[in-house]
Amino acid sequence: MIRRYAEQDTEAVIDVWRLASEVATPFLPADFLEREPDNIRNIYLPHAETWVFEAEGSVVGFLSLIGDEVGAIFVYPRCHGRGIGRALMDHAVQLRGSLYLDVFKDNALGRRFYERYGFLCEGEHVHEETGCTLVRLKLGRK
């Protein structure tokens, strides 16, 4: 079930982010990954429209929107391949129509998901905090 994020979901969302990041972005610097939970708690969640996917009473995935930008979409690795990411993205498309996002170029798992979903590359730029390359993707109204 997809529902709006509530403050009591914060630690579950951070746990999903942490485990999914270990799988999808192991190339990111350790100091960046150590700072991110505080940024998620204090900056990203308070300023984004976040939706969680709940299964059997637990948060197993989430998606955050800032306007038509997908700021985050993460699913517990043990739940990959169950349609949770697709359901969250379908929800975002239903809400916004056209979407944009940035994904790390070396995040092969995420890039495959976005490509299968229909996102197209619009360019690349450097993520200032990590020095890693980001790919800018766009999805037109489906």
C-alpha atoms as a PDB file:
ATOM      1  CA  MET A   1       0.000   0.000   0.000  1.00  0.00           C
ATOM      2  CA  ILE A   2       1.248   3.481  -0.864  1.00  0.00           C
ATOM      3  CA  ARG A   3       0.542   6.199   1.666  1.00  0.00           C
ATOM      4  CA  ARG A   4       1.883   9.593   2.652  1.00  0.00           C
ATOM      5  CA  TYR A   5       5.016   9.648   4.753  1.00  0.00           C
ATOM      6  CA  ALA A   6       4.471  10.397   8.450  1.00  0.00           C
ATOM      7  CA  GLU A   7       7.120  11.568  10.908  1.00  0.00           C
ATOM      8  CA  GLN A   8       7.087   8.185  12.670  1.00  0.00           C
ATOM      9  CA  ASP A   9       8.356   6.654   9.365  1.00  0.00           C
ATOM     10  CA  THR A  10      11.641   8.577   9.510  1.00  0.00           C
ATOM     11  CA  GLU A  11      13.917   5.837  10.855  1.00  0.00           C
ATOM     12  CA  ALA A  12      12.357   3.207   8.564  1.00  0.00           C
ATOM     13  CA  VAL A  13      12.906   5.484   5.555  1.00  0.00           C
ATOM     14  CA  ILE A  14      16.542   6.017   6.567  1.00  0.00           C
ATOM     15  CA  ASP A  15      16.983   2.256   6.985  1.00  0.00           C
ATOM     16  CA  VAL A  16      15.574   1.629   3.488  1.00  0.00           C
ATOM     17  CA  TRP A  17      17.874   4.338   2.087  1.00  0.00           C
ATOM     18  CA  ARG A  18      20.947   2.926   3.861  1.00  0.00           C
ATOM     19  CA  LEU A  19      20.453  -0.693   2.730  1.00  0.00           C
ATOM     20  CA  ALA A  20      19.483   0.256  -0.822  1.00  0.00           C
ATOM     21  CA  SER A  21      22.472   2.606  -1.076  1.00  0.00           C
ATOM     22  CA  GLU A  22      24.859  -0.157   0.011  1.00  0.00           C
ATOM     23  CA  VAL A  23      23.648  -2.210  -2.977  1.00  0.00           C
ATOM     24  CA  ALA A  24      23.227   0.493  -5.642  1.00  0.00           C
ATOM     25  CA  THR A  25      25.918   3.048  -4.804  1.00  0.00           C
ATOM     26  CA  PRO A  26      28.838   1.354  -3.028  1.00  0.00           C
ATOM     27  CA  PHE A  27      31.188   3.714  -4.910  1.00  0.00           C
ATOM     28  CA  LEU A  28      30.063   6.773  -2.926  1.00  0.00           C
ATOM     29  CA  PRO A  29      32.562   8.144  -0.381  1.00  0.00           C
ATOM     30  CA  ALA A  30      32.071   6.917   3.177  1.00  0.00           C
ATOM     31  CA  ASP A  31      32.010  10.446   4.646  1.00  0.00           C
ATOM     32  CA  PHE A  32      29.150  11.409   2.292  1.00  0.00           C
ATOM     33  CA  LEU A  33      27.145   8.313   3.277  1.00  0.00           C
ATOM     34  CA  GLU A  34      27.733   9.039   6.973  1.00  0.00           C
ATOM     35  CA  ARG A  35      26.331  12.592   6.624  1.00  0.00           C
ATOM     36  CA  GLU A  36      23.264  11.683   4.597  1.00  0.00           C
ATOM     37  CA  PRO A  37      21.003  10.320   7.378  1.00  0.00           C
ATOM     38  CA  ASP A  38      21.122  13.724   9.116  1.00  0.00           C
ATOM     39  CA  ASN A  39      20.426  15.455   5.791  1.00  0.00           C
ATOM     40  CA  ILE A  40      17.498  13.102   5.149  1.00  0.00           C
ATOM     41  CA  ARG A  41      16.035  13.810   8.599  1.00  0.00           C
ATOM     42  CA  ASN A  42      16.628  17.550   8.718  1.00  0.00           C
ATOM     43  CA  ILE A  43      16.614  18.785   5.126  1.00  0.00           C
ATOM     44  CA  TYR A  44      15.127  16.387   2.582  1.00  0.00           C
ATOM     45  CA  LEU A  45      12.098  14.913   4.366  1.00  0.00           C
ATOM     46  CA  PRO A  46      10.840  18.242   5.765  1.00  0.00           C
ATOM     47  CA  HIS A  47      11.000  19.870   2.300  1.00  0.00           C
ATOM     48  CA  ALA A  48       9.766  17.046   0.067  1.00  0.00           C
ATOM     49  CA  GLU A  49       6.466  15.356  -0.603  1.00  0.00           C
ATOM     50  CA  THR A  50       7.252  11.788   0.403  1.00  0.00           C
ATOM     51  CA  TRP A  51       5.256   8.618  -0.133  1.00  0.00           C
ATOM     52  CA  VAL A  52       6.018   5.255   1.446  1.00  0.00           C
ATOM     53  CA  PHE A  53       5.222   1.753   0.311  1.00  0.00           C
ATOM     54  CA  GLU A  54       4.081  -0.294   3.276  1.00  0.00           C
ATOM     55  CA  ALA A  55       3.882  -4.090   3.247  1.00  0.00           C
ATOM     56  CA  GLU A  56       2.800  -6.170   6.239  1.00  0.00           C
ATOM     57  CA  GLY A  57       2.984  -3.130   8.500  1.00  0.00           C
ATOM     58  CA  SER A  58       6.542  -2.128   7.526  1.00  0.00           C
ATOM     59  CA  VAL A  59       7.933   0.564   5.238  1.00  0.00           C
ATOM     60  CA  VAL A  60       9.788  -1.251   2.443  1.00  0.00           C
ATOM     61  CA  GLY A  61      10.206   1.618  -0.009  1.00  0.00           C
ATOM     62  CA  PHE A  62       9.724   5.340  -0.469  1.00  0.00           C
ATOM     63  CA  LEU A  63       9.680   8.092  -3.057  1.00  0.00           C
ATOM     64  CA  SER A  64      10.227  11.815  -2.494  1.00  0.00           C
ATOM     65  CA  LEU A  65       9.076  14.543  -4.864  1.00  0.00           C
ATOM     66  CA  ILE A  66      10.032  18.183  -5.019  1.00  0.00           C
ATOM     67  CA  GLY A  67       7.749  19.599  -7.677  1.00  0.00           C
ATOM     68  CA  ASP A  68       8.238  17.406 -10.742  1.00  0.00           C
ATOM     69  CA  GLU A  69      11.649  16.224  -9.538  1.00  0.00           C
ATOM     70  CA  VAL A  70      12.077  12.732  -8.097  1.00  0.00           C
ATOM     71  CA  GLY A  71      14.478  13.528  -5.281  1.00  0.00           C
ATOM     72  CA  ALA A  72      14.642   9.922  -4.069  1.00  0.00           C
ATOM     73  CA  ILE A  73      13.242   6.489  -4.749  1.00  0.00           C
ATOM     74  CA  PHE A  74      14.541   3.563  -2.725  1.00  0.00           C
ATOM     75  CA  VAL A  75      13.324   0.029  -2.034  1.00  0.00           C
ATOM     76  CA  TYR A  76      14.697  -2.519   0.432  1.00  0.00           C
ATOM     77  CA  PRO A  77      17.023  -4.790  -1.556  1.00  0.00           C
ATOM     78  CA  ARG A  78      15.197  -7.894  -0.269  1.00  0.00           C
ATOM     79  CA  CYS A  79      12.052  -6.482  -1.922  1.00  0.00           C
ATOM     80  CA  HIS A  80      13.592  -5.706  -5.328  1.00  0.00           C
ATOM     81  CA  GLY A  81      11.790  -7.274  -8.267  1.00  0.00           C
ATOM     82  CA  ARG A  82       8.351  -7.199  -6.602  1.00  0.00           C
ATOM     83  CA  GLY A  83       7.019  -4.146  -8.446  1.00  0.00           C
ATOM     84  CA  ILE A  84       7.390  -1.755  -5.497  1.00  0.00           C
ATOM     85  CA  GLY A  85       9.632   0.707  -7.330  1.00  0.00           C
ATOM     86  CA  ARG A  86       7.318   0.636 -10.352  1.00  0.00           C
ATOM     87  CA  ALA A  87       4.272   1.212  -8.141  1.00  0.00           C
ATOM     88  CA  LEU A  88       5.947   4.196  -6.464  1.00  0.00           C
ATOM     89  CA  MET A  89       6.984   5.657  -9.829  1.00  0.00           C
ATOM     90  CA  ASP A  90       3.490   5.050 -11.244  1.00  0.00           C
ATOM     91  CA  HIS A  91       2.142   7.000  -8.261  1.00  0.00           C
ATOM     92  CA  ALA A  92       4.524   9.898  -8.992  1.00  0.00           C
ATOM     93  CA  VAL A  93       3.499   9.913 -12.665  1.00  0.00           C
ATOM     94  CA  GLN A  94      -0.151   9.949 -11.620  1.00  0.00           C
ATOM     95  CA  LEU A  95       0.551  12.962  -9.402  1.00  0.00           C
ATOM     96  CA  ARG A  96       2.860  14.929 -11.707  1.00  0.00           C
ATOM     97  CA  GLY A  97       2.824  13.558 -15.273  1.00  0.00           C
ATOM     98  CA  SER A  98       6.277  14.571 -16.471  1.00  0.00           C
ATOM     99  CA  LEU A  99       9.177  13.820 -14.132  1.00  0.00           C
ATOM    100  CA  TYR A 100      12.879  14.592 -13.876  1.00  0.00           C
ATOM    101  CA  LEU A 101      15.606  13.006 -11.794  1.00  0.00           C
ATOM    102  CA  ASP A 102      19.345  12.655 -11.405  1.00  0.00           C
ATOM    103  CA  VAL A 103      20.984   9.258 -10.983  1.00  0.00           C
ATOM    104  CA  PHE A 104      24.633   8.466 -10.413  1.00  0.00           C
ATOM    105  CA  LYS A 105      26.169   7.293 -13.676  1.00  0.00           C
ATOM    106  CA  ASP A 106      27.759   4.317 -11.895  1.00  0.00           C
ATOM    107  CA  ASN A 107      24.438   3.228 -10.353  1.00  0.00           C
ATOM    108  CA  ALA A 108      23.766   0.436 -12.861  1.00  0.00           C
ATOM    109  CA  LEU A 109      20.810  -0.920 -10.869  1.00  0.00           C
ATOM    110  CA  GLY A 110      19.002   2.422 -10.790  1.00  0.00           C
ATOM    111  CA  ARG A 111      19.809   3.263 -14.399  1.00  0.00           C
ATOM    112  CA  ARG A 112      18.368  -0.067 -15.610  1.00  0.00           C
ATOM    113  CA  PHE A 113      15.175   0.594 -13.647  1.00  0.00           C
ATOM    114  CA  TYR A 114      14.782   4.107 -15.087  1.00  0.00           C
ATOM    115  CA  GLU A 115      15.557   2.972 -18.624  1.00  0.00           C
ATOM    116  CA  ARG A 116      12.957   0.186 -18.443  1.00  0.00           C
ATOM    117  CA  TYR A 117      10.485   2.695 -17.059  1.00  0.00           C
ATOM    118  CA  GLY A 118      11.021   4.977 -20.052  1.00  0.00           C
ATOM    119  CA  PHE A 119      13.242   7.782 -18.768  1.00  0.00           C
ATOM    120  CA  LEU A 120      15.536   9.388 -21.345  1.00  0.00           C
ATOM    121  CA  CYS A 121      18.946  10.982 -20.812  1.00  0.00           C
ATOM    122  CA  GLU A 122      19.106  14.763 -21.024  1.00  0.00           C
ATOM    123  CA  GLY A 123      22.758  15.206 -20.049  1.00  0.00           C
ATOM    124  CA  GLU A 124      25.380  14.743 -17.366  1.00  0.00           C
ATOM    125  CA  HIS A 125      26.896  16.865 -14.627  1.00  0.00           C
ATOM    126  CA  VAL A 126      29.129  16.429 -11.593  1.00  0.00           C
ATOM    127  CA  HIS A 127      27.697  15.932  -8.105  1.00  0.00           C
ATOM    128  CA  GLU A 128      29.668  18.546  -6.183  1.00  0.00           C
ATOM    129  CA  GLU A 129      29.647  16.750  -2.821  1.00  0.00           C
ATOM    130  CA  THR A 130      31.102  13.491  -4.154  1.00  0.00           C
ATOM    131  CA  GLY A 131      32.769  14.348  -7.464  1.00  0.00           C
ATOM    132  CA  CYS A 132      30.748  11.531  -9.087  1.00  0.00           C
ATOM    133  CA  THR A 133      28.938  11.980 -12.392  1.00  0.00           C
ATOM    134  CA  LEU A 134      25.162  12.314 -12.365  1.00  0.00           C
ATOM    135  CA  VAL A 135      22.942  11.593 -15.355  1.00  0.00           C
ATOM    136  CA  ARG A 136      19.905  13.861 -15.805  1.00  0.00           C
ATOM    137  CA  LEU A 137      16.823  11.921 -16.908  1.00  0.00           C
ATOM    138  CA  LYS A 138      13.386  12.999 -18.070  1.00  0.00           C
ATOM    139  CA  LEU A 139      10.109  11.126 -18.359  1.00  0.00           C
ATOM    140  CA  GLY A 140       7.336  12.631 -20.441  1.00  0.00           C
ATOM    141  CA  ARG A 141       3.683  12.134 -19.584  1.00  0.00           C
ATOM    142  CA  LYS A 142       2.814   8.444 -19.875  1.00  0.00           C
END
